[in-house]
């Protein structure tokens, strides 16, 4: 079970680092992480994969892009939830 979770965490972190789809990859990764991160083992794997930094970069980019147009509030919420789950 941990091997599958580790593979999923690695995939989701990879989508944060190099999204395969501009509009959907980060949103989908945040949804998946929000479901996984209540598990302490998943939090440890996410931290080990440097996921908090990758996610924070996207949240910073979303906040910076707010001046350019509408902001995806759901994305900001789920990304913030993921960071909160890490505490």
PDB file of N, CA and C in Angstrom:
ATOM      1  N   UNK A   1       0.830  -1.200   0.000  1.00  0.00           N
ATOM      2  CA  UNK A   1       0.000   0.000   0.000  1.00  0.00           C
ATOM      3  C   UNK A   1       0.869   1.256   0.000  1.00  0.00           C
ATOM      4  N   UNK A   2       1.973   1.207   0.744  1.00  0.00           N
ATOM      5  CA  UNK A   2       2.848   2.386   0.784  1.00  0.00           C
ATOM      6  C   UNK A   2       3.540   2.612  -0.556  1.00  0.00           C
ATOM      7  N   UNK A   3       3.829   1.545  -1.287  1.00  0.00           N
ATOM      8  CA  UNK A   3       4.474   1.711  -2.588  1.00  0.00           C
ATOM      9  C   UNK A   3       3.544   2.422  -3.559  1.00  0.00           C
ATOM     10  N   UNK A   4       2.265   2.066  -3.525  1.00  0.00           N
ATOM     11  CA  UNK A   4       1.296   2.720  -4.402  1.00  0.00           C
ATOM     12  C   UNK A   4       1.119   4.188  -4.008  1.00  0.00           C
ATOM     13  N   UNK A   5       1.058   4.448  -2.700  1.00  0.00           N
ATOM     14  CA  UNK A   5       0.916   5.828  -2.239  1.00  0.00           C
ATOM     15  C   UNK A   5       2.146   6.635  -2.616  1.00  0.00           C
ATOM     16  N   UNK A   6       3.302   6.043  -2.486  1.00  0.00           N
ATOM     17  CA  UNK A   6       4.545   6.737  -2.839  1.00  0.00           C
ATOM     18  C   UNK A   6       4.559   7.076  -4.333  1.00  0.00           C
ATOM     19  N   UNK A   7       4.124   6.139  -5.169  1.00  0.00           N
ATOM     20  CA  UNK A   7       4.074   6.388  -6.612  1.00  0.00           C
ATOM     21  C   UNK A   7       3.087   7.500  -6.939  1.00  0.00           C
ATOM     22  N   UNK A   8       1.962   7.520  -6.247  1.00  0.00           N
ATOM     23  CA  UNK A   8       0.965   8.564  -6.484  1.00  0.00           C
ATOM     24  C   UNK A   8       1.474   9.930  -6.030  1.00  0.00           C
ATOM     25  N   UNK A   9       2.095   9.986  -4.870  1.00  0.00           N
ATOM     26  CA  UNK A   9       2.671  11.245  -4.378  1.00  0.00           C
ATOM     27  C   UNK A   9       3.736  11.741  -5.356  1.00  0.00           C
ATOM     28  N   UNK A  10       4.585  10.841  -5.832  1.00  0.00           N
ATOM     29  CA  UNK A  10       5.611  11.237  -6.800  1.00  0.00           C
ATOM     30  C   UNK A  10       4.982  11.775  -8.086  1.00  0.00           C
ATOM     31  N   UNK A  11       3.913  11.120  -8.545  1.00  0.00           N
ATOM     32  CA  UNK A  11       3.226  11.581  -9.748  1.00  0.00           C
ATOM     33  C   UNK A  11       2.629  12.970  -9.528  1.00  0.00           C
ATOM     34  N   UNK A  12       1.953  13.158  -8.403  1.00  0.00           N
ATOM     35  CA  UNK A  12       1.321  14.449  -8.129  1.00  0.00           C
ATOM     36  C   UNK A  12       2.363  15.560  -7.979  1.00  0.00           C
ATOM     37  N   UNK A  13       3.466  15.261  -7.328  1.00  0.00           N
ATOM     38  CA  UNK A  13       4.548  16.250  -7.218  1.00  0.00           C
ATOM     39  C   UNK A  13       5.145  16.549  -8.586  1.00  0.00           C
ATOM     40  N   UNK A  14       5.229  15.526  -9.431  1.00  0.00           N
ATOM     41  CA  UNK A  14       5.708  15.740 -10.791  1.00  0.00           C
ATOM     42  C   UNK A  14       4.788  16.663 -11.574  1.00  0.00           C
ATOM     43  N   UNK A  15       3.481  16.537 -11.341  1.00  0.00           N
ATOM     44  CA  UNK A  15       2.526  17.421 -12.009  1.00  0.00           C
ATOM     45  C   UNK A  15       2.656  18.854 -11.496  1.00  0.00           C
ATOM     46  N   UNK A  16       3.037  19.008 -10.242  1.00  0.00           N
ATOM     47  CA  UNK A  16       3.280  20.355  -9.719  1.00  0.00           C
ATOM     48  C   UNK A  16       4.543  20.953 -10.328  1.00  0.00           C
ATOM     49  N   UNK A  17       5.530  20.103 -10.543  1.00  0.00           N
ATOM     50  CA  UNK A  17       6.814  20.580 -11.064  1.00  0.00           C
ATOM     51  C   UNK A  17       6.778  20.808 -12.578  1.00  0.00           C
ATOM     52  N   UNK A  18       6.212  19.854 -13.311  1.00  0.00           N
ATOM     53  CA  UNK A  18       6.125  19.942 -14.772  1.00  0.00           C
ATOM     54  C   UNK A  18       4.727  19.514 -15.204  1.00  0.00           C
ATOM     55  N   UNK A  19       3.759  20.426 -15.150  1.00  0.00           N
ATOM     56  CA  UNK A  19       2.377  20.056 -15.486  1.00  0.00           C
ATOM     57  C   UNK A  19       2.256  19.536 -16.920  1.00  0.00           C
ATOM     58  N   UNK A  20       1.517  18.448 -17.079  1.00  0.00           N
ATOM     59  CA  UNK A  20       1.313  17.889 -18.415  1.00  0.00           C
ATOM     60  C   UNK A  20       0.156  18.591 -19.136  1.00  0.00           C
ATOM     61  N   UNK A  21      -0.679  19.296 -18.404  1.00  0.00           N
ATOM     62  CA  UNK A  21      -1.789  20.054 -18.985  1.00  0.00           C
ATOM     63  C   UNK A  21      -1.870  21.383 -18.240  1.00  0.00           C
ATOM     64  N   UNK A  22      -1.740  22.471 -18.981  1.00  0.00           N
ATOM     65  CA  UNK A  22      -1.662  23.791 -18.352  1.00  0.00           C
ATOM     66  C   UNK A  22      -2.819  24.097 -17.417  1.00  0.00           C
ATOM     67  N   UNK A  23      -4.034  23.808 -17.832  1.00  0.00           N
ATOM     68  CA  UNK A  23      -5.195  24.227 -17.062  1.00  0.00           C
ATOM     69  C   UNK A  23      -5.605  23.226 -15.977  1.00  0.00           C
ATOM     70  N   UNK A  24      -5.255  21.963 -16.127  1.00  0.00           N
ATOM     71  CA  UNK A  24      -5.811  20.952 -15.228  1.00  0.00           C
ATOM     72  C   UNK A  24      -4.836  20.260 -14.292  1.00  0.00           C
ATOM     73  N   UNK A  25      -3.567  20.171 -14.644  1.00  0.00           N
ATOM     74  CA  UNK A  25      -2.632  19.351 -13.868  1.00  0.00           C
ATOM     75  C   UNK A  25      -2.484  19.801 -12.424  1.00  0.00           C
ATOM     76  N   UNK A  26      -2.294  21.085 -12.203  1.00  0.00           N
ATOM     77  CA  UNK A  26      -2.081  21.576 -10.838  1.00  0.00           C
ATOM     78  C   UNK A  26      -3.367  21.438 -10.026  1.00  0.00           C
ATOM     79  N   UNK A  27      -4.509  21.752 -10.635  1.00  0.00           N
ATOM     80  CA  UNK A  27      -5.791  21.603  -9.929  1.00  0.00           C
ATOM     81  C   UNK A  27      -6.013  20.155  -9.519  1.00  0.00           C
ATOM     82  N   UNK A  28      -5.760  19.238 -10.437  1.00  0.00           N
ATOM     83  CA  UNK A  28      -5.953  17.819 -10.160  1.00  0.00           C
ATOM     84  C   UNK A  28      -4.980  17.338  -9.091  1.00  0.00           C
ATOM     85  N   UNK A  29      -3.739  17.802  -9.166  1.00  0.00           N
ATOM     86  CA  UNK A  29      -2.750  17.423  -8.160  1.00  0.00           C
ATOM     87  C   UNK A  29      -3.178  17.908  -6.773  1.00  0.00           C
ATOM     88  N   UNK A  30      -3.695  19.123  -6.693  1.00  0.00           N
ATOM     89  CA  UNK A  30      -4.148  19.645  -5.398  1.00  0.00           C
ATOM     90  C   UNK A  30      -5.313  18.844  -4.839  1.00  0.00           C
ATOM     91  N   UNK A  31      -6.248  18.455  -5.707  1.00  0.00           N
ATOM     92  CA  UNK A  31      -7.374  17.637  -5.252  1.00  0.00           C
ATOM     93  C   UNK A  31      -6.882  16.296  -4.706  1.00  0.00           C
ATOM     94  N   UNK A  32      -5.965  15.664  -5.426  1.00  0.00           N
ATOM     95  CA  UNK A  32      -5.422  14.387  -4.972  1.00  0.00           C
ATOM     96  C   UNK A  32      -4.646  14.517  -3.677  1.00  0.00           C
ATOM     97  N   UNK A  33      -3.847  15.560  -3.582  1.00  0.00           N
ATOM     98  CA  UNK A  33      -3.065  15.763  -2.357  1.00  0.00           C
ATOM     99  C   UNK A  33      -3.957  16.064  -1.165  1.00  0.00           C
ATOM    100  N   UNK A  34      -5.027  16.826  -1.379  1.00  0.00           N
ATOM    101  CA  UNK A  34      -5.948  17.128  -0.285  1.00  0.00           C
ATOM    102  C   UNK A  34      -6.580  15.856   0.270  1.00  0.00           C
ATOM    103  N   UNK A  35      -6.775  14.865  -0.591  1.00  0.00           N
ATOM    104  CA  UNK A  35      -7.330  13.589  -0.143  1.00  0.00           C
ATOM    105  C   UNK A  35      -6.283  12.722   0.555  1.00  0.00           C
ATOM    106  N   UNK A  36      -5.024  12.829   0.142  1.00  0.00           N
ATOM    107  CA  UNK A  36      -3.974  11.962   0.691  1.00  0.00           C
ATOM    108  C   UNK A  36      -3.312  12.498   1.952  1.00  0.00           C
ATOM    109  N   UNK A  37      -3.179  13.809   2.051  1.00  0.00           N
ATOM    110  CA  UNK A  37      -2.347  14.382   3.113  1.00  0.00           C
ATOM    111  C   UNK A  37      -2.874  14.249   4.542  1.00  0.00           C
ATOM    112  N   UNK A  38      -4.132  13.895   4.779  1.00  0.00           N
ATOM    113  CA  UNK A  38      -4.488  13.598   6.165  1.00  0.00           C
ATOM    114  C   UNK A  38      -3.726  12.389   6.729  1.00  0.00           C
ATOM    115  N   UNK A  39      -3.199  11.540   5.865  1.00  0.00           N
ATOM    116  CA  UNK A  39      -2.430  10.365   6.292  1.00  0.00           C
ATOM    117  C   UNK A  39      -0.996  10.781   6.624  1.00  0.00           C
ATOM    118  N   UNK A  40      -0.518  10.492   7.837  1.00  0.00           N
ATOM    119  CA  UNK A  40       0.850  10.887   8.224  1.00  0.00           C
ATOM    120  C   UNK A  40       1.931  10.340   7.286  1.00  0.00           C
ATOM    121  N   UNK A  41       1.753   9.122   6.768  1.00  0.00           N
ATOM    122  CA  UNK A  41       2.749   8.554   5.854  1.00  0.00           C
ATOM    123  C   UNK A  41       2.789   9.354   4.551  1.00  0.00           C
ATOM    124  N   UNK A  42       1.632   9.783   4.073  1.00  0.00           N
ATOM    125  CA  UNK A  42       1.582  10.585   2.855  1.00  0.00           C
ATOM    126  C   UNK A  42       2.251  11.943   3.079  1.00  0.00           C
ATOM    127  N   UNK A  43       2.040  12.529   4.253  1.00  0.00           N
ATOM    128  CA  UNK A  43       2.690  13.814   4.562  1.00  0.00           C
ATOM    129  C   UNK A  43       4.206  13.674   4.545  1.00  0.00           C
ATOM    130  N   UNK A  44       4.707  12.585   5.101  1.00  0.00           N
ATOM    131  CA  UNK A  44       6.156  12.363   5.120  1.00  0.00           C
ATOM    132  C   UNK A  44       6.694  12.197   3.696  1.00  0.00           C
ATOM    133  N   UNK A  45       5.976  11.472   2.855  1.00  0.00           N
ATOM    134  CA  UNK A  45       6.403  11.275   1.469  1.00  0.00           C
ATOM    135  C   UNK A  45       6.360  12.589   0.693  1.00  0.00           C
ATOM    136  N   UNK A  46       5.315  13.393   0.922  1.00  0.00           N
ATOM    137  CA  UNK A  46       5.171  14.681   0.256  1.00  0.00           C
ATOM    138  C   UNK A  46       6.305  15.618   0.667  1.00  0.00           C
ATOM    139  N   UNK A  47       6.639  15.617   1.931  1.00  0.00           N
ATOM    140  CA  UNK A  47       7.744  16.444   2.427  1.00  0.00           C
ATOM    141  C   UNK A  47       9.069  15.983   1.837  1.00  0.00           C
ATOM    142  N   UNK A  48       9.278  14.681   1.782  1.00  0.00           N
ATOM    143  CA  UNK A  48      10.508  14.119   1.229  1.00  0.00           C
ATOM    144  C   UNK A  48      10.657  14.453  -0.254  1.00  0.00           C
ATOM    145  N   UNK A  49       9.533  14.555  -0.970  1.00  0.00           N
ATOM    146  CA  UNK A  49       9.555  14.865  -2.404  1.00  0.00           C
ATOM    147  C   UNK A  49       9.632  16.371  -2.658  1.00  0.00           C
ATOM    148  N   UNK A  50       9.832  17.156  -1.591  1.00  0.00           N
ATOM    149  CA  UNK A  50       9.912  18.617  -1.691  1.00  0.00           C
ATOM    150  C   UNK A  50       8.606  19.207  -2.227  1.00  0.00           C
ATOM    151  N   UNK A  51       7.498  18.536  -1.922  1.00  0.00           N
ATOM    152  CA  UNK A  51       6.196  18.945  -2.413  1.00  0.00           C
ATOM    153  C   UNK A  51       5.713  20.271  -1.861  1.00  0.00           C
ATOM    154  N   UNK A  52       6.063  20.571  -0.613  1.00  0.00           N
ATOM    155  CA  UNK A  52       5.601  21.839  -0.036  1.00  0.00           C
ATOM    156  C   UNK A  52       6.168  23.017  -0.818  1.00  0.00           C
ATOM    157  N   UNK A  53       7.415  22.939  -1.213  1.00  0.00           N
ATOM    158  CA  UNK A  53       8.028  24.019  -1.996  1.00  0.00           C
ATOM    159  C   UNK A  53       7.348  24.135  -3.364  1.00  0.00           C
ATOM    160  N   UNK A  54       7.131  22.993  -4.015  1.00  0.00           N
ATOM    161  CA  UNK A  54       6.511  22.999  -5.342  1.00  0.00           C
ATOM    162  C   UNK A  54       5.100  23.571  -5.288  1.00  0.00           C
ATOM    163  N   UNK A  55       4.349  23.192  -4.263  1.00  0.00           N
ATOM    164  CA  UNK A  55       2.993  23.695  -4.122  1.00  0.00           C
ATOM    165  C   UNK A  55       2.999  25.186  -3.787  1.00  0.00           C
ATOM    166  N   UNK A  56       3.883  25.594  -2.905  1.00  0.00           N
ATOM    167  CA  UNK A  56       3.966  27.013  -2.534  1.00  0.00           C
ATOM    168  C   UNK A  56       4.304  27.874  -3.750  1.00  0.00           C
ATOM    169  N   UNK A  57       5.147  27.380  -4.639  1.00  0.00           N
ATOM    170  CA  UNK A  57       5.477  28.132  -5.856  1.00  0.00           C
ATOM    171  C   UNK A  57       4.229  28.380  -6.696  1.00  0.00           C
ATOM    172  N   UNK A  58       3.368  27.371  -6.812  1.00  0.00           N
ATOM    173  CA  UNK A  58       2.144  27.543  -7.590  1.00  0.00           C
ATOM    174  C   UNK A  58       1.197  28.527  -6.916  1.00  0.00           C
ATOM    175  N   UNK A  59       1.091  28.440  -5.608  1.00  0.00           N
ATOM    176  CA  UNK A  59       0.214  29.384  -4.900  1.00  0.00           C
ATOM    177  C   UNK A  59       0.730  30.804  -5.046  1.00  0.00           C
ATOM    178  N   UNK A  60       2.041  30.967  -4.989  1.00  0.00           N
ATOM    179  CA  UNK A  60       2.631  32.295  -5.175  1.00  0.00           C
ATOM    180  C   UNK A  60       2.355  32.798  -6.584  1.00  0.00           C
ATOM    181  N   UNK A  61       2.496  31.930  -7.570  1.00  0.00           N
ATOM    182  CA  UNK A  61       2.223  32.310  -8.953  1.00  0.00           C
ATOM    183  C   UNK A  61       0.764  32.690  -9.147  1.00  0.00           C
ATOM    184  N   UNK A  62      -0.159  31.943  -8.522  1.00  0.00           N
ATOM    185  CA  UNK A  62      -1.576  32.278  -8.630  1.00  0.00           C
ATOM    186  C   UNK A  62      -1.850  33.640  -8.014  1.00  0.00           C
ATOM    187  N   UNK A  63      -1.237  33.921  -6.877  1.00  0.00           N
ATOM    188  CA  UNK A  63      -1.448  35.216  -6.229  1.00  0.00           C
ATOM    189  C   UNK A  63      -0.857  36.343  -7.074  1.00  0.00           C
ATOM    190  N   UNK A  64       0.286  36.107  -7.693  1.00  0.00           N
ATOM    191  CA  UNK A  64       0.938  37.113  -8.537  1.00  0.00           C
ATOM    192  C   UNK A  64       0.132  37.364  -9.802  1.00  0.00           C
ATOM    193  N   UNK A  65      -0.481  36.306 -10.351  1.00  0.00           N
ATOM    194  CA  UNK A  65      -1.253  36.422 -11.587  1.00  0.00           C
ATOM    195  C   UNK A  65      -2.620  37.062 -11.368  1.00  0.00           C
ATOM    196  N   UNK A  66      -2.979  37.346 -10.124  1.00  0.00           N
ATOM    197  CA  UNK A  66      -4.299  37.904  -9.836  1.00  0.00           C
ATOM    198  C   UNK A  66      -4.521  39.227 -10.559  1.00  0.00           C
ATOM    199  N   UNK A  67      -3.477  39.982 -10.779  1.00  0.00           N
ATOM    200  CA  UNK A  67      -3.616  41.261 -11.470  1.00  0.00           C
ATOM    201  C   UNK A  67      -3.909  41.069 -12.954  1.00  0.00           C
ATOM    202  N   UNK A  68      -3.623  39.883 -13.483  1.00  0.00           N
ATOM    203  CA  UNK A  68      -3.806  39.617 -14.911  1.00  0.00           C
ATOM    204  C   UNK A  68      -5.199  39.119 -15.268  1.00  0.00           C
ATOM    205  N   UNK A  69      -6.012  38.796 -14.285  1.00  0.00           N
ATOM    206  CA  UNK A  69      -7.348  38.294 -14.596  1.00  0.00           C
ATOM    207  C   UNK A  69      -7.945  37.562 -13.418  1.00  0.00           C
ATOM    208  N   UNK A  70      -9.034  36.821 -13.661  1.00  0.00           N
ATOM    209  CA  UNK A  70      -9.711  36.132 -12.562  1.00  0.00           C
ATOM    210  C   UNK A  70      -8.839  35.044 -11.942  1.00  0.00           C
ATOM    211  N   UNK A  71      -8.967  34.902 -10.648  1.00  0.00           N
ATOM    212  CA  UNK A  71      -8.192  33.921  -9.898  1.00  0.00           C
ATOM    213  C   UNK A  71      -9.086  32.717  -9.599  1.00  0.00           C
ATOM    214  N   UNK A  72      -8.535  31.533  -9.689  1.00  0.00           N
ATOM    215  CA  UNK A  72      -9.269  30.314  -9.366  1.00  0.00           C
ATOM    216  C   UNK A  72      -9.271  30.135  -7.848  1.00  0.00           C
ATOM    217  N   UNK A  73     -10.333  30.584  -7.215  1.00  0.00           N
ATOM    218  CA  UNK A  73     -10.423  30.537  -5.760  1.00  0.00           C
ATOM    219  C   UNK A  73     -10.372  29.108  -5.242  1.00  0.00           C
ATOM    220  N   UNK A  74     -11.010  28.180  -5.956  1.00  0.00           N
ATOM    221  CA  UNK A  74     -10.998  26.780  -5.526  1.00  0.00           C
ATOM    222  C   UNK A  74      -9.573  26.235  -5.502  1.00  0.00           C
ATOM    223  N   UNK A  75      -8.780  26.578  -6.500  1.00  0.00           N
ATOM    224  CA  UNK A  75      -7.383  26.146  -6.548  1.00  0.00           C
ATOM    225  C   UNK A  75      -6.611  26.709  -5.356  1.00  0.00           C
ATOM    226  N   UNK A  76      -6.817  27.985  -5.062  1.00  0.00           N
ATOM    227  CA  UNK A  76      -6.139  28.595  -3.915  1.00  0.00           C
ATOM    228  C   UNK A  76      -6.566  27.922  -2.611  1.00  0.00           C
ATOM    229  N   UNK A  77      -7.850  27.631  -2.490  1.00  0.00           N
ATOM    230  CA  UNK A  77      -8.351  26.976  -1.278  1.00  0.00           C
ATOM    231  C   UNK A  77      -7.726  25.597  -1.112  1.00  0.00           C
ATOM    232  N   UNK A  78      -7.761  24.788  -2.170  1.00  0.00           N
ATOM    233  CA  UNK A  78      -7.239  23.430  -2.061  1.00  0.00           C
ATOM    234  C   UNK A  78      -5.728  23.414  -1.861  1.00  0.00           C
ATOM    235  N   UNK A  79      -5.023  24.336  -2.514  1.00  0.00           N
ATOM    236  CA  UNK A  79      -3.589  24.440  -2.279  1.00  0.00           C
ATOM    237  C   UNK A  79      -3.276  24.858  -0.856  1.00  0.00           C
ATOM    238  N   UNK A  80      -4.036  25.815  -0.346  1.00  0.00           N
ATOM    239  CA  UNK A  80      -3.876  26.237   1.050  1.00  0.00           C
ATOM    240  C   UNK A  80      -4.220  25.124   2.011  1.00  0.00           C
ATOM    241  N   UNK A  81      -5.261  24.359   1.687  1.00  0.00           N
ATOM    242  CA  UNK A  81      -5.634  23.211   2.515  1.00  0.00           C
ATOM    243  C   UNK A  81      -4.488  22.204   2.583  1.00  0.00           C
ATOM    244  N   UNK A  82      -3.863  21.943   1.457  1.00  0.00           N
ATOM    245  CA  UNK A  82      -2.736  21.003   1.428  1.00  0.00           C
ATOM    246  C   UNK A  82      -1.612  21.482   2.341  1.00  0.00           C
ATOM    247  N   UNK A  83      -1.283  22.762   2.261  1.00  0.00           N
ATOM    248  CA  UNK A  83      -0.222  23.289   3.128  1.00  0.00           C
ATOM    249  C   UNK A  83      -0.652  23.225   4.591  1.00  0.00           C
ATOM    250  N   UNK A  84      -1.924  23.525   4.866  1.00  0.00           N
ATOM    251  CA  UNK A  84      -2.414  23.454   6.237  1.00  0.00           C
ATOM    252  C   UNK A  84      -2.340  22.025   6.763  1.00  0.00           C
ATOM    253  N   UNK A  85      -2.674  21.044   5.908  1.00  0.00           N
ATOM    254  CA  UNK A  85      -2.610  19.641   6.324  1.00  0.00           C
ATOM    255  C   UNK A  85      -1.184  19.227   6.680  1.00  0.00           C
ATOM    256  N   UNK A  86      -0.221  19.935   6.153  1.00  0.00           N
ATOM    257  CA  UNK A  86       1.182  19.601   6.461  1.00  0.00           C
ATOM    258  C   UNK A  86       1.597  20.071   7.870  1.00  0.00           C
ATOM    259  N   UNK A  87       0.783  20.917   8.496  1.00  0.00           N
ATOM    260  CA  UNK A  87       1.162  21.423   9.827  1.00  0.00           C
ATOM    261  C   UNK A  87       0.763  20.470  10.919  1.00  0.00           C
TER     262      UNK A  87
END
